[in-house]
């Protein structure tokens, strides 16, 4: 299944807000998958000094990833295909 990276600019975000956003992304993915639109949150990397967050999702297309992030109400700047090299 393809992997997509969601890039975010999150200036001023607090760690508890970041944790809540992560939970919302996971839940949105589960809801969409239950509706037949597969999308699975994989993980995020946050760079506090730059207020940047990169999140990986698994989905058959970027539209499902976009819909999950919009449903979770998490801002993003772009969604791009990615290769997850986790061993």
C-alpha atoms as a PDB file:
ATOM      1  CA  UNK A   1       0.000   0.000   0.000  1.00  0.00           C
ATOM      2  CA  UNK A   2       1.373   3.478  -0.815  1.00  0.00           C
ATOM      3  CA  UNK A   3       2.647   5.770   1.937  1.00  0.00           C
ATOM      4  CA  UNK A   4       2.105   9.543   2.015  1.00  0.00           C
ATOM      5  CA  UNK A   5       3.821  12.211   4.066  1.00  0.00           C
ATOM      6  CA  UNK A   6       1.727  15.070   5.383  1.00  0.00           C
ATOM      7  CA  UNK A   7       3.757  18.215   6.039  1.00  0.00           C
ATOM      8  CA  UNK A   8       2.549  20.622   8.701  1.00  0.00           C
ATOM      9  CA  UNK A   9       3.576  24.018  10.057  1.00  0.00           C
ATOM     10  CA  UNK A  10       2.472  24.152  13.691  1.00  0.00           C
ATOM     11  CA  UNK A  11       3.906  27.276  15.321  1.00  0.00           C
ATOM     12  CA  UNK A  12       3.157  27.572  19.029  1.00  0.00           C
ATOM     13  CA  UNK A  13       1.695  24.077  19.378  1.00  0.00           C
ATOM     14  CA  UNK A  14       1.998  22.483  22.811  1.00  0.00           C
ATOM     15  CA  UNK A  15       2.870  18.821  23.298  1.00  0.00           C
ATOM     16  CA  UNK A  16      -0.595  17.996  24.662  1.00  0.00           C
ATOM     17  CA  UNK A  17      -2.142  19.575  21.548  1.00  0.00           C
ATOM     18  CA  UNK A  18       0.187  17.511  19.388  1.00  0.00           C
ATOM     19  CA  UNK A  19      -0.873  14.352  21.229  1.00  0.00           C
ATOM     20  CA  UNK A  20      -4.554  15.252  20.752  1.00  0.00           C
ATOM     21  CA  UNK A  21      -3.969  15.835  17.028  1.00  0.00           C
ATOM     22  CA  UNK A  22      -2.305  12.434  16.760  1.00  0.00           C
ATOM     23  CA  UNK A  23      -5.296  10.762  18.414  1.00  0.00           C
ATOM     24  CA  UNK A  24      -7.665  12.643  16.090  1.00  0.00           C
ATOM     25  CA  UNK A  25      -5.699  11.469  13.027  1.00  0.00           C
ATOM     26  CA  UNK A  26      -5.806   7.867  14.213  1.00  0.00           C
ATOM     27  CA  UNK A  27      -9.556   8.080  14.871  1.00  0.00           C
ATOM     28  CA  UNK A  28     -10.300   9.744  11.527  1.00  0.00           C
ATOM     29  CA  UNK A  29      -8.391   6.972   9.761  1.00  0.00           C
ATOM     30  CA  UNK A  30     -10.374   4.303  11.571  1.00  0.00           C
ATOM     31  CA  UNK A  31     -13.669   6.011  10.734  1.00  0.00           C
ATOM     32  CA  UNK A  32     -12.828   6.366   7.047  1.00  0.00           C
ATOM     33  CA  UNK A  33     -11.560   2.790   6.841  1.00  0.00           C
ATOM     34  CA  UNK A  34     -14.861   1.607   8.354  1.00  0.00           C
ATOM     35  CA  UNK A  35     -16.603   3.514   5.528  1.00  0.00           C
ATOM     36  CA  UNK A  36     -14.499   1.721   2.900  1.00  0.00           C
ATOM     37  CA  UNK A  37     -11.856   4.454   2.397  1.00  0.00           C
ATOM     38  CA  UNK A  38      -8.677   2.885   3.739  1.00  0.00           C
ATOM     39  CA  UNK A  39      -6.266   5.210   5.511  1.00  0.00           C
ATOM     40  CA  UNK A  40      -3.955   4.359   8.395  1.00  0.00           C
ATOM     41  CA  UNK A  41      -1.873   6.750  10.471  1.00  0.00           C
ATOM     42  CA  UNK A  42       1.675   5.371  10.824  1.00  0.00           C
ATOM     43  CA  UNK A  43       3.665   7.914  12.859  1.00  0.00           C
ATOM     44  CA  UNK A  44       4.818  11.516  13.154  1.00  0.00           C
ATOM     45  CA  UNK A  45       8.085  13.355  13.575  1.00  0.00           C
ATOM     46  CA  UNK A  46       7.963  16.820  15.140  1.00  0.00           C
ATOM     47  CA  UNK A  47      10.813  19.343  14.876  1.00  0.00           C
ATOM     48  CA  UNK A  48      10.150  21.847  17.689  1.00  0.00           C
ATOM     49  CA  UNK A  49      12.776  24.386  16.601  1.00  0.00           C
ATOM     50  CA  UNK A  50      11.137  24.735  13.185  1.00  0.00           C
ATOM     51  CA  UNK A  51       7.531  24.074  14.312  1.00  0.00           C
ATOM     52  CA  UNK A  52       7.374  21.433  11.557  1.00  0.00           C
ATOM     53  CA  UNK A  53       5.643  18.095  11.751  1.00  0.00           C
ATOM     54  CA  UNK A  54       5.821  15.281   9.212  1.00  0.00           C
ATOM     55  CA  UNK A  55       3.213  12.542   9.487  1.00  0.00           C
ATOM     56  CA  UNK A  56       3.137   9.270   7.566  1.00  0.00           C
ATOM     57  CA  UNK A  57      -0.103   7.652   6.441  1.00  0.00           C
ATOM     58  CA  UNK A  58      -0.811   4.500   4.484  1.00  0.00           C
ATOM     59  CA  UNK A  59      -3.600   4.776   1.904  1.00  0.00           C
ATOM     60  CA  UNK A  60      -4.352   3.774  -1.681  1.00  0.00           C
ATOM     61  CA  UNK A  61      -4.454   7.448  -2.722  1.00  0.00           C
ATOM     62  CA  UNK A  62      -3.720  10.951  -1.402  1.00  0.00           C
ATOM     63  CA  UNK A  63      -7.423  11.851  -1.406  1.00  0.00           C
ATOM     64  CA  UNK A  64      -8.085   9.481   1.511  1.00  0.00           C
ATOM     65  CA  UNK A  65      -5.173  11.022   3.423  1.00  0.00           C
ATOM     66  CA  UNK A  66      -6.501  14.527   2.753  1.00  0.00           C
ATOM     67  CA  UNK A  67      -9.983  13.539   3.902  1.00  0.00           C
ATOM     68  CA  UNK A  68      -8.631  12.014   7.122  1.00  0.00           C
ATOM     69  CA  UNK A  69      -6.663  15.155   7.968  1.00  0.00           C
ATOM     70  CA  UNK A  70      -9.583  17.425   7.158  1.00  0.00           C
ATOM     71  CA  UNK A  71     -11.895  15.270   9.274  1.00  0.00           C
ATOM     72  CA  UNK A  72      -9.404  15.399  12.160  1.00  0.00           C
ATOM     73  CA  UNK A  73      -9.184  19.204  11.716  1.00  0.00           C
ATOM     74  CA  UNK A  74      -5.370  19.158  11.617  1.00  0.00           C
ATOM     75  CA  UNK A  75      -3.804  21.823   9.377  1.00  0.00           C
ATOM     76  CA  UNK A  76      -1.366  20.739   6.683  1.00  0.00           C
ATOM     77  CA  UNK A  77       0.616  22.393   3.927  1.00  0.00           C
ATOM     78  CA  UNK A  78       0.962  19.453   1.538  1.00  0.00           C
ATOM     79  CA  UNK A  79       0.591  15.719   1.024  1.00  0.00           C
ATOM     80  CA  UNK A  80       3.274  13.939  -0.990  1.00  0.00           C
ATOM     81  CA  UNK A  81       4.134  10.306  -1.824  1.00  0.00           C
ATOM     82  CA  UNK A  82       6.858   8.946   0.470  1.00  0.00           C
ATOM     83  CA  UNK A  83       8.913   5.811   1.034  1.00  0.00           C
ATOM     84  CA  UNK A  84       8.987   4.527   4.607  1.00  0.00           C
ATOM     85  CA  UNK A  85      12.434   3.015   5.246  1.00  0.00           C
ATOM     86  CA  UNK A  86      11.806   1.792   8.791  1.00  0.00           C
ATOM     87  CA  UNK A  87      13.659  -1.505   9.235  1.00  0.00           C
END
